[in-house]
Amino acid sequence: MDAVRTGSGPISLYLHIPFCEKNCWFCGCNTIITTRHSRADTYLDLIAQEIRIFNSRNGSRKSVTQMHWGGGTPNFLSPDQIQRLIGILHEGFDFLPGFEFSVELAPSHLKQEQIDALIAGGLTRASFGIQDCQPEVQRAINRIQPMETNRWVMDALRKAGISSVNVDLIYGLPLQTPESYRDTLQQVLTLNPDRFAIFSYAHLPSLKPAQRKLEAFGLPDPDTKIRLLLEAIQTLTASGYDYIGMDHFAKPGDELNIARTAGRLHRNFQGYTVQEATELVSLGISSISETARTYRQNAKDWRTYADLVQKGEWPIARGIVLSDEDEARRWAIQSIMCRLRLDRDELVRRYPAHADGILNASTIQALAPMDDDGFLTISDNGLQVTDLGRLFLRNIAMTFDAWLDPQAHRHSSTV
């Protein structure tokens, strides 16, 4: 347990709110489908107890510089429950002045009173999912969300003083075509979001059986899926957004874009961030935490999570302690994902004992087909990702993952 204690610096905090009132058939998140909002009261009791366990095991009260609520549907919580959760968090942690507080919102279930409660708790950023604007696609994925609803959410957030709003879209859903997706993009652009996240639909029916319902409508083939992604890139960049990489787009003045240009962009389980070297502490069912030397994940199901927390035990289901080589490989992967390059001299300077084991003849041989395809360029001092290669950042980074099983087909394709 000593290995999972956080360091002395401030942390990023993540809360998983798993509840949804209905199942969106495309969803791959860890969710609990229920209309009983009283279940959230019990869940908040568990979160409060998990914080006490964390502080007891960690030996100190932590300062928070960044917080994100994800789900599920965080706005499943009522205004009173939101206020209660914010109180629980402030009882357990010290929030630094100017801390960043972001939340994922489901437009169809959002009310003004919930926005007001979040604003009172210090909300600074928001994100909401649209996925697709076409009625036939929405019916196929069991998520009806009129554009009028999206517009109300954006207007309400802006009026509340939220100056940074992200919108999520998905490509690879049933019935999508490049033409229909272009129309979706054009409609969403009228909302003027500050960032876009364009996610590839991950079809994993063995893990998420509800996704089998989508097969009745037909899924885009790989060629069409690539065309959908290219349509997003072309439309958004033509509209003034810069392609950050790994699904994300931002306006030129956005802090993500500024950090990318300055080489200060970072990435954790919450996505891209400008917070350097902050450890991630995650609370709730299935949440994943990261310290300097470890990753750990909480129990994925309610019963196991609740039983452990009620017994006063840390609800960790699995974890890994990183070796020195693992740390070096993590840095290499971060450099590729955030800076689009891997510099041999810098790798040697940071990790002299492991640099030759990471960027060697075997690695270069594995990367050679990507060089031939124009995804990257290889030189004596490392590699540089090309504009085309930004579409395949995950594939490039996977070359440096020593733990990846190349024969495993449990997870979805990267594009």
Protein backbone atom coordinates (compact mmCIF):
# COMPACT_ATOMS: atom_id res chain seq x y z
CA MET A 1 0.00 0.00 0.00
CA ASP A 2 2.95 2.38 0.46
CA ALA A 3 3.42 2.45 -3.31
CA VAL A 4 -0.03 3.93 -3.98
CA ARG A 5 0.37 6.87 -1.63
CA THR A 6 0.42 10.17 -3.45
CA GLY A 7 3.35 12.57 -3.32
CA SER A 8 3.49 15.88 -1.53
CA GLY A 9 2.19 18.04 -4.40
CA PRO A 10 -1.38 18.92 -5.40
CA ILE A 11 -3.57 16.34 -7.10
CA SER A 12 -6.14 16.10 -9.86
CA LEU A 13 -9.40 14.62 -8.61
CA TYR A 14 -11.86 12.52 -10.61
CA LEU A 15 -15.32 11.37 -9.50
CA HIS A 16 -17.25 8.70 -11.34
CA ILE A 17 -21.03 9.16 -11.12
CA PRO A 18 -22.28 5.91 -12.71
CA PHE A 19 -26.04 6.53 -12.87
CA CYS A 20 -28.08 6.96 -16.07
CA GLU A 21 -31.85 6.96 -16.44
CA LYS A 22 -31.68 4.94 -19.66
CA ASN A 23 -29.14 3.01 -21.67
CA CYS A 24 -27.66 4.66 -24.77
CA TRP A 25 -26.92 1.59 -26.86
CA PHE A 26 -23.54 2.80 -28.12
CA CYS A 27 -22.17 3.51 -24.63
CA GLY A 28 -19.08 1.70 -23.38
CA CYS A 29 -18.89 3.40 -19.98
CA ASN A 30 -19.40 1.74 -16.62
CA THR A 31 -22.99 2.70 -15.80
CA ILE A 32 -25.91 1.83 -13.53
CA ILE A 33 -29.28 2.23 -15.27
CA THR A 34 -31.95 3.36 -12.82
CA THR A 35 -34.67 5.97 -12.34
CA ARG A 36 -34.36 5.75 -8.54
CA HIS A 37 -32.53 8.95 -7.73
CA SER A 38 -32.41 7.99 -4.04
CA ARG A 39 -29.66 5.51 -4.95
CA ALA A 40 -27.39 8.50 -5.41
CA ASP A 41 -27.77 9.35 -1.70
CA THR A 42 -26.33 5.96 -0.77
CA TYR A 43 -23.57 6.43 -3.33
CA LEU A 44 -22.61 9.80 -1.84
CA ASP A 45 -22.36 8.11 1.57
CA LEU A 46 -19.90 5.65 0.02
CA ILE A 47 -17.89 8.44 -1.62
CA ALA A 48 -17.60 10.21 1.75
CA GLN A 49 -16.37 6.99 3.35
CA GLU A 50 -13.91 6.32 0.51
CA ILE A 51 -12.40 9.78 1.05
CA ARG A 52 -11.95 9.04 4.73
CA ILE A 53 -10.26 5.74 3.85
CA PHE A 54 -8.01 7.49 1.32
CA ASN A 55 -6.93 10.17 3.78
CA SER A 56 -6.29 7.59 6.48
CA ARG A 57 -4.18 5.38 4.18
CA ASN A 58 -2.39 8.29 2.56
CA GLY A 59 -1.52 9.90 5.85
CA SER A 60 -2.27 13.48 4.85
CA ARG A 61 -5.00 15.75 3.53
CA LYS A 62 -4.41 16.56 -0.13
CA SER A 63 -4.66 19.83 -2.03
CA VAL A 64 -6.66 19.78 -5.28
CA THR A 65 -5.74 21.83 -8.34
CA GLN A 66 -8.13 20.19 -10.81
CA MET A 67 -11.38 18.23 -10.48
CA HIS A 68 -13.55 16.45 -13.04
CA TRP A 69 -16.88 14.66 -12.69
CA GLY A 70 -17.66 11.99 -15.27
CA GLY A 71 -20.08 9.15 -15.71
CA GLY A 72 -22.58 7.85 -16.27
CA THR A 73 -24.47 11.09 -15.93
CA PRO A 74 -23.18 13.51 -13.28
CA ASN A 75 -26.36 15.58 -13.64
CA PHE A 76 -28.34 12.52 -12.57
CA LEU A 77 -27.73 14.16 -9.19
CA SER A 78 -30.38 16.61 -8.00
CA PRO A 79 -29.34 20.17 -7.07
CA ASP A 80 -29.39 19.18 -3.38
CA GLN A 81 -27.26 16.10 -4.09
CA ILE A 82 -24.79 18.21 -6.09
CA GLN A 83 -24.49 20.63 -3.16
CA ARG A 84 -24.06 17.73 -0.75
CA LEU A 85 -21.31 16.15 -2.88
CA ILE A 86 -19.44 19.45 -3.12
CA GLY A 87 -19.62 19.72 0.67
CA ILE A 88 -18.29 16.16 1.09
CA LEU A 89 -15.36 16.94 -1.19
CA HIS A 90 -14.47 20.15 0.63
CA GLU A 91 -14.56 18.28 3.93
CA GLY A 92 -12.02 15.78 2.63
CA PHE A 93 -9.70 17.91 0.47
CA ASP A 94 -8.23 21.40 0.33
CA PHE A 95 -9.10 23.11 -2.95
CA LEU A 96 -6.45 25.54 -4.11
CA PRO A 97 -7.44 29.07 -5.19
CA GLY A 98 -8.39 29.08 -8.87
CA PHE A 99 -8.78 25.29 -9.07
CA GLU A 100 -10.29 23.97 -12.29
CA PHE A 101 -13.66 22.20 -11.96
CA SER A 102 -15.12 20.49 -15.03
CA VAL A 103 -18.13 18.23 -15.46
CA GLU A 104 -19.72 16.06 -18.15
CA LEU A 105 -23.39 16.87 -18.72
CA ALA A 106 -26.26 15.03 -20.39
CA PRO A 107 -28.38 17.73 -22.10
CA SER A 108 -31.67 15.80 -22.09
CA HIS A 109 -31.66 15.62 -18.27
CA LEU A 110 -30.13 18.99 -17.40
CA LYS A 111 -32.04 21.66 -15.49
CA GLN A 112 -31.13 25.25 -14.69
CA GLU A 113 -31.14 24.48 -10.96
CA GLN A 114 -28.40 21.88 -11.49
CA ILE A 115 -26.27 24.39 -13.39
CA ASP A 116 -26.78 26.88 -10.56
CA ALA A 117 -25.64 24.30 -7.98
CA LEU A 118 -22.53 23.47 -10.00
CA ILE A 119 -21.68 27.15 -10.46
CA ALA A 120 -22.03 27.70 -6.71
CA GLY A 121 -19.52 24.86 -6.26
CA GLY A 122 -16.94 26.56 -8.48
CA LEU A 123 -17.59 25.07 -11.93
CA THR A 124 -15.20 26.49 -14.54
CA ARG A 125 -15.53 24.12 -17.51
CA ALA A 126 -18.25 21.92 -18.96
CA SER A 127 -18.58 19.23 -21.59
CA PHE A 128 -21.68 17.68 -23.08
CA GLY A 129 -22.30 14.91 -25.53
CA ILE A 130 -24.24 15.39 -28.74
CA GLN A 131 -22.82 12.37 -30.64
CA ASP A 132 -24.87 12.97 -33.82
CA CYS A 133 -27.62 15.39 -34.90
CA GLN A 134 -29.40 13.16 -37.42
CA PRO A 135 -32.80 11.89 -36.15
CA GLU A 136 -32.37 8.45 -37.72
CA VAL A 137 -28.97 7.98 -36.05
CA GLN A 138 -30.36 9.15 -32.72
CA ARG A 139 -33.20 6.64 -32.95
CA ALA A 140 -30.76 3.85 -33.83
CA ILE A 141 -28.57 4.54 -30.77
CA ASN A 142 -31.52 5.16 -28.40
CA ARG A 143 -30.52 8.76 -27.65
CA ILE A 144 -33.04 11.36 -28.82
CA GLN A 145 -31.58 14.84 -28.36
CA PRO A 146 -33.02 17.69 -30.45
CA MET A 147 -30.75 20.54 -31.49
CA GLU A 148 -32.98 22.90 -29.51
CA THR A 149 -31.92 21.08 -26.34
CA ASN A 150 -28.24 21.42 -27.21
CA ARG A 151 -28.68 25.11 -27.91
CA TRP A 152 -30.43 25.68 -24.57
CA VAL A 153 -27.58 23.95 -22.71
CA MET A 154 -24.91 26.02 -24.45
CA ASP A 155 -26.80 29.27 -23.87
CA ALA A 156 -27.41 28.41 -20.19
CA LEU A 157 -23.73 27.60 -19.62
CA ARG A 158 -22.60 30.81 -21.30
CA LYS A 159 -25.06 32.90 -19.30
CA ALA A 160 -23.76 31.22 -16.14
CA GLY A 161 -20.25 32.45 -16.96
CA ILE A 162 -18.70 29.23 -18.28
CA SER A 163 -16.20 30.37 -20.89
CA SER A 164 -14.85 26.93 -21.86
CA VAL A 165 -17.31 24.37 -23.22
CA ASN A 166 -16.45 21.11 -24.99
CA VAL A 167 -18.80 19.13 -27.21
CA ASP A 168 -18.46 15.37 -27.84
CA LEU A 169 -19.31 13.73 -31.16
CA ILE A 170 -18.89 10.10 -32.21
CA TYR A 171 -18.05 8.71 -35.63
CA GLY A 172 -18.70 5.11 -36.66
CA LEU A 173 -22.34 4.96 -35.50
CA PRO A 174 -25.08 3.21 -37.50
CA LEU A 175 -26.45 5.04 -40.54
CA GLN A 176 -23.73 7.70 -40.54
CA THR A 177 -22.40 8.81 -43.94
CA PRO A 178 -19.77 11.44 -44.72
CA GLU A 179 -22.58 13.70 -45.99
CA SER A 180 -24.76 13.28 -42.89
CA TYR A 181 -21.76 13.71 -40.59
CA ARG A 182 -20.80 16.93 -42.37
CA ASP A 183 -24.31 18.21 -41.65
CA THR A 184 -23.96 17.22 -37.97
CA LEU A 185 -20.66 19.09 -37.75
CA GLN A 186 -22.13 22.19 -39.39
CA GLN A 187 -25.07 22.18 -36.99
CA VAL A 188 -22.84 21.84 -33.93
CA LEU A 189 -20.52 24.59 -35.17
CA THR A 190 -23.42 27.02 -34.80
CA LEU A 191 -23.10 26.46 -31.03
CA ASN A 192 -19.54 27.83 -31.16
CA PRO A 193 -17.97 25.39 -28.67
CA ASP A 194 -14.43 26.06 -27.49
CA ARG A 195 -13.34 22.45 -27.95
CA PHE A 196 -14.48 19.35 -29.80
CA ALA A 197 -13.83 15.74 -28.86
CA ILE A 198 -14.43 13.46 -31.86
CA PHE A 199 -14.48 9.90 -30.58
CA SER A 200 -14.34 6.67 -32.52
CA TYR A 201 -17.25 4.38 -31.70
CA ALA A 202 -15.88 1.32 -29.89
CA HIS A 203 -17.98 -1.76 -30.75
CA LEU A 204 -17.50 -4.22 -27.89
CA PRO A 205 -20.67 -6.31 -27.68
CA SER A 206 -18.89 -9.02 -25.68
CA LEU A 207 -18.40 -6.46 -22.91
CA LYS A 208 -21.45 -4.28 -23.60
CA PRO A 209 -24.29 -6.54 -24.84
CA ALA A 210 -26.62 -3.59 -25.56
CA GLN A 211 -24.34 -2.66 -28.45
CA ARG A 212 -25.61 -5.71 -30.36
CA LYS A 213 -28.81 -3.73 -30.96
CA LEU A 214 -26.81 -1.44 -33.28
CA GLU A 215 -25.90 -4.31 -35.58
CA ALA A 216 -29.49 -4.40 -36.86
CA PHE A 217 -28.93 -0.98 -38.46
CA GLY A 218 -25.49 -1.78 -39.88
CA LEU A 219 -22.20 -0.21 -38.84
CA PRO A 220 -19.95 1.80 -41.19
CA ASP A 221 -17.14 -0.24 -42.75
CA PRO A 222 -13.51 0.76 -41.99
CA ASP A 223 -13.17 2.85 -45.17
CA THR A 224 -16.32 4.81 -44.36
CA LYS A 225 -15.17 5.29 -40.79
CA ILE A 226 -11.91 6.83 -41.98
CA ARG A 227 -13.87 9.11 -44.30
CA LEU A 228 -16.03 10.23 -41.35
CA LEU A 229 -12.92 11.11 -39.34
CA LEU A 230 -11.38 12.97 -42.28
CA GLU A 231 -14.64 14.88 -42.72
CA ALA A 232 -14.43 15.98 -39.09
CA ILE A 233 -10.81 17.06 -39.43
CA GLN A 234 -11.42 18.97 -42.66
CA THR A 235 -14.61 20.67 -41.46
CA LEU A 236 -13.28 21.70 -38.06
CA THR A 237 -9.87 22.90 -39.22
CA ALA A 238 -11.56 24.89 -42.01
CA SER A 239 -13.70 26.48 -39.29
CA GLY A 240 -10.69 27.69 -37.30
CA TYR A 241 -10.11 24.83 -34.88
CA ASP A 242 -6.65 23.28 -34.47
CA TYR A 243 -6.25 19.51 -34.36
CA ILE A 244 -4.65 18.75 -31.00
CA GLY A 245 -4.44 15.03 -31.68
CA MET A 246 -6.04 11.94 -30.11
CA ASP A 247 -9.59 13.02 -31.00
CA HIS A 248 -9.38 16.62 -29.73
CA PHE A 249 -9.77 20.00 -31.44
CA ALA A 250 -9.52 23.46 -29.88
CA LYS A 251 -9.66 27.09 -30.83
CA PRO A 252 -6.27 28.82 -31.28
CA GLY A 253 -6.55 30.75 -28.01
CA ASP A 254 -7.57 27.72 -25.93
CA GLU A 255 -5.10 26.79 -23.20
CA LEU A 256 -4.76 23.26 -24.61
CA ASN A 257 -3.61 24.73 -27.90
CA ILE A 258 -1.24 27.15 -26.20
CA ALA A 259 0.23 24.31 -24.12
CA ARG A 260 0.63 22.10 -27.19
CA THR A 261 2.52 24.83 -29.05
CA ALA A 262 4.77 25.42 -26.03
CA GLY A 263 5.42 21.70 -25.48
CA ARG A 264 3.60 21.74 -22.12
CA LEU A 265 0.69 19.46 -23.01
CA HIS A 266 0.11 16.38 -20.83
CA ARG A 267 -2.31 13.48 -20.82
CA ASN A 268 -3.91 11.29 -18.15
CA PHE A 269 -7.06 9.17 -17.85
CA GLN A 270 -9.16 12.34 -18.03
CA GLY A 271 -7.64 13.21 -21.41
CA TYR A 272 -5.37 16.09 -22.35
CA THR A 273 -4.46 18.54 -19.60
CA VAL A 274 -2.13 21.46 -18.97
CA GLN A 275 -1.55 20.30 -15.40
CA GLU A 276 2.04 19.10 -15.19
CA ALA A 277 3.01 16.11 -13.06
CA THR A 278 -0.14 16.16 -10.93
CA GLU A 279 -1.16 12.77 -9.64
CA LEU A 280 -4.69 11.62 -10.35
CA VAL A 281 -6.87 10.45 -7.45
CA SER A 282 -10.14 8.90 -8.61
CA LEU A 283 -13.18 8.07 -6.50
CA GLY A 284 -16.18 5.85 -7.09
CA ILE A 285 -17.01 2.68 -8.95
CA SER A 286 -14.49 1.60 -11.64
CA SER A 287 -12.44 4.82 -11.39
CA ILE A 288 -8.73 4.71 -12.28
CA SER A 289 -6.04 6.53 -10.29
CA GLU A 290 -2.45 7.31 -11.21
CA THR A 291 0.50 8.15 -8.96
CA ALA A 292 4.15 8.59 -9.86
CA ARG A 293 4.75 4.84 -9.65
CA THR A 294 1.35 3.16 -9.81
CA TYR A 295 -1.97 2.73 -11.56
CA ARG A 296 -4.96 1.34 -9.68
CA GLN A 297 -8.64 0.75 -10.43
CA ASN A 298 -11.57 0.58 -8.07
CA ALA A 299 -14.05 -2.29 -8.07
CA LYS A 300 -16.32 -2.15 -11.12
CA ASP A 301 -19.60 -3.32 -9.59
CA TRP A 302 -21.76 -1.74 -6.93
CA ARG A 303 -21.85 -4.67 -4.50
CA THR A 304 -18.09 -5.22 -4.36
CA TYR A 305 -17.33 -1.51 -4.17
CA ALA A 306 -19.93 -0.91 -1.45
CA ASP A 307 -18.89 -3.97 0.62
CA LEU A 308 -15.23 -2.93 0.65
CA VAL A 309 -15.92 0.71 1.49
CA GLN A 310 -18.41 -0.18 4.24
CA LYS A 311 -15.76 -2.45 5.78
CA GLY A 312 -13.33 0.44 5.81
CA GLU A 313 -11.18 -1.09 3.11
CA TRP A 314 -9.72 0.66 0.09
CA PRO A 315 -11.95 -0.53 -2.82
CA ILE A 316 -9.04 -1.34 -5.16
CA ALA A 317 -9.78 -4.20 -7.57
CA ARG A 318 -6.43 -4.24 -9.35
CA GLY A 319 -3.27 -2.23 -9.79
CA ILE A 320 0.29 -2.20 -10.97
CA VAL A 321 3.52 -0.79 -9.56
CA LEU A 322 5.67 0.63 -12.34
CA SER A 323 9.26 -0.43 -12.82
CA ASP A 324 11.92 2.09 -13.84
CA GLU A 325 11.55 0.87 -17.42
CA ASP A 326 7.77 1.29 -17.24
CA GLU A 327 8.26 4.92 -16.21
CA ALA A 328 10.59 5.50 -19.14
CA ARG A 329 8.10 3.93 -21.55
CA ARG A 330 5.27 6.02 -20.10
CA TRP A 331 7.31 9.16 -20.75
CA ALA A 332 8.02 8.04 -24.33
CA ILE A 333 4.33 7.38 -24.99
CA GLN A 334 3.37 10.74 -23.45
CA SER A 335 5.91 12.50 -25.66
CA ILE A 336 4.43 10.91 -28.79
CA MET A 337 0.82 11.66 -27.80
CA CYS A 338 1.40 15.21 -26.59
CA ARG A 339 4.42 16.50 -28.55
CA LEU A 340 4.14 14.31 -31.64
CA ARG A 341 7.77 13.28 -31.39
CA LEU A 342 10.25 11.18 -29.46
CA ASP A 343 13.72 12.68 -29.05
CA ARG A 344 16.49 10.13 -28.46
CA ASP A 345 18.81 12.61 -26.73
CA GLU A 346 16.09 13.66 -24.30
CA LEU A 347 15.16 10.02 -23.65
CA VAL A 348 18.83 9.22 -22.88
CA ARG A 349 19.12 12.24 -20.60
CA ARG A 350 15.99 11.36 -18.63
CA TYR A 351 16.32 7.57 -18.58
CA PRO A 352 19.92 6.62 -19.41
CA ALA A 353 19.56 3.05 -18.17
CA HIS A 354 16.55 2.26 -20.37
CA ALA A 355 16.80 4.45 -23.47
CA ASP A 356 18.56 1.81 -25.58
CA GLY A 357 15.94 -0.77 -24.61
CA ILE A 358 13.11 1.50 -25.74
CA LEU A 359 14.39 3.08 -28.94
CA ASN A 360 16.53 0.39 -30.55
CA ALA A 361 16.87 -1.55 -33.81
CA SER A 362 13.89 -3.76 -32.94
CA THR A 363 11.67 -0.73 -32.32
CA ILE A 364 12.81 0.96 -35.51
CA GLN A 365 12.00 -2.22 -37.43
CA ALA A 366 8.51 -2.30 -35.92
CA LEU A 367 7.98 1.37 -36.85
CA ALA A 368 9.36 1.01 -40.40
CA PRO A 369 5.97 0.17 -42.01
CA MET A 370 4.51 3.34 -40.46
CA ASP A 371 7.43 5.30 -41.90
CA ASP A 372 6.72 3.77 -45.31
CA ASP A 373 3.03 4.70 -45.00
CA GLY A 374 3.88 8.31 -44.15
CA PHE A 375 2.69 8.19 -40.52
CA LEU A 376 6.06 9.27 -39.13
CA THR A 377 9.66 9.99 -40.05
CA ILE A 378 12.54 8.17 -38.40
CA SER A 379 15.94 9.79 -37.92
CA ASP A 380 19.10 9.13 -35.93
CA ASN A 381 17.64 11.21 -33.11
CA GLY A 382 14.24 9.56 -32.84
CA LEU A 383 10.92 10.02 -34.60
CA GLN A 384 8.50 12.75 -35.65
CA VAL A 385 4.80 12.12 -36.25
CA THR A 386 3.43 13.52 -39.53
CA ASP A 387 0.05 15.18 -40.05
CA LEU A 388 -1.25 11.89 -41.45
CA GLY A 389 0.23 10.02 -38.50
CA ARG A 390 -1.81 12.07 -36.06
CA LEU A 391 -4.77 9.91 -37.08
CA PHE A 392 -2.84 6.89 -35.83
CA LEU A 393 -1.19 8.19 -32.66
CA ARG A 394 -2.51 5.26 -30.65
CA ASN A 395 -1.00 2.78 -33.10
CA ILE A 396 2.36 4.52 -32.97
CA ALA A 397 2.32 4.71 -29.17
CA MET A 398 1.35 1.05 -28.86
CA THR A 399 4.75 0.11 -30.30
CA PHE A 400 6.33 1.30 -27.05
CA ASP A 401 3.93 -0.54 -24.71
CA ALA A 402 5.82 -3.57 -23.43
CA TRP A 403 2.69 -4.93 -21.72
CA LEU A 404 0.45 -4.91 -24.78
CA ASP A 405 -0.59 -8.32 -26.05
CA PRO A 406 -0.59 -8.04 -29.85
CA GLN A 407 -2.74 -11.18 -30.11
CA ALA A 408 -5.54 -9.82 -27.93
CA HIS A 409 -8.66 -8.72 -29.82
CA ARG A 410 -10.86 -7.91 -26.86
CA HIS A 411 -10.78 -4.16 -27.41
CA SER A 412 -11.88 -2.08 -30.36
CA SER A 413 -9.79 -0.77 -33.24
CA THR A 414 -8.03 2.57 -32.70
CA VAL A 415 -9.76 4.46 -35.55
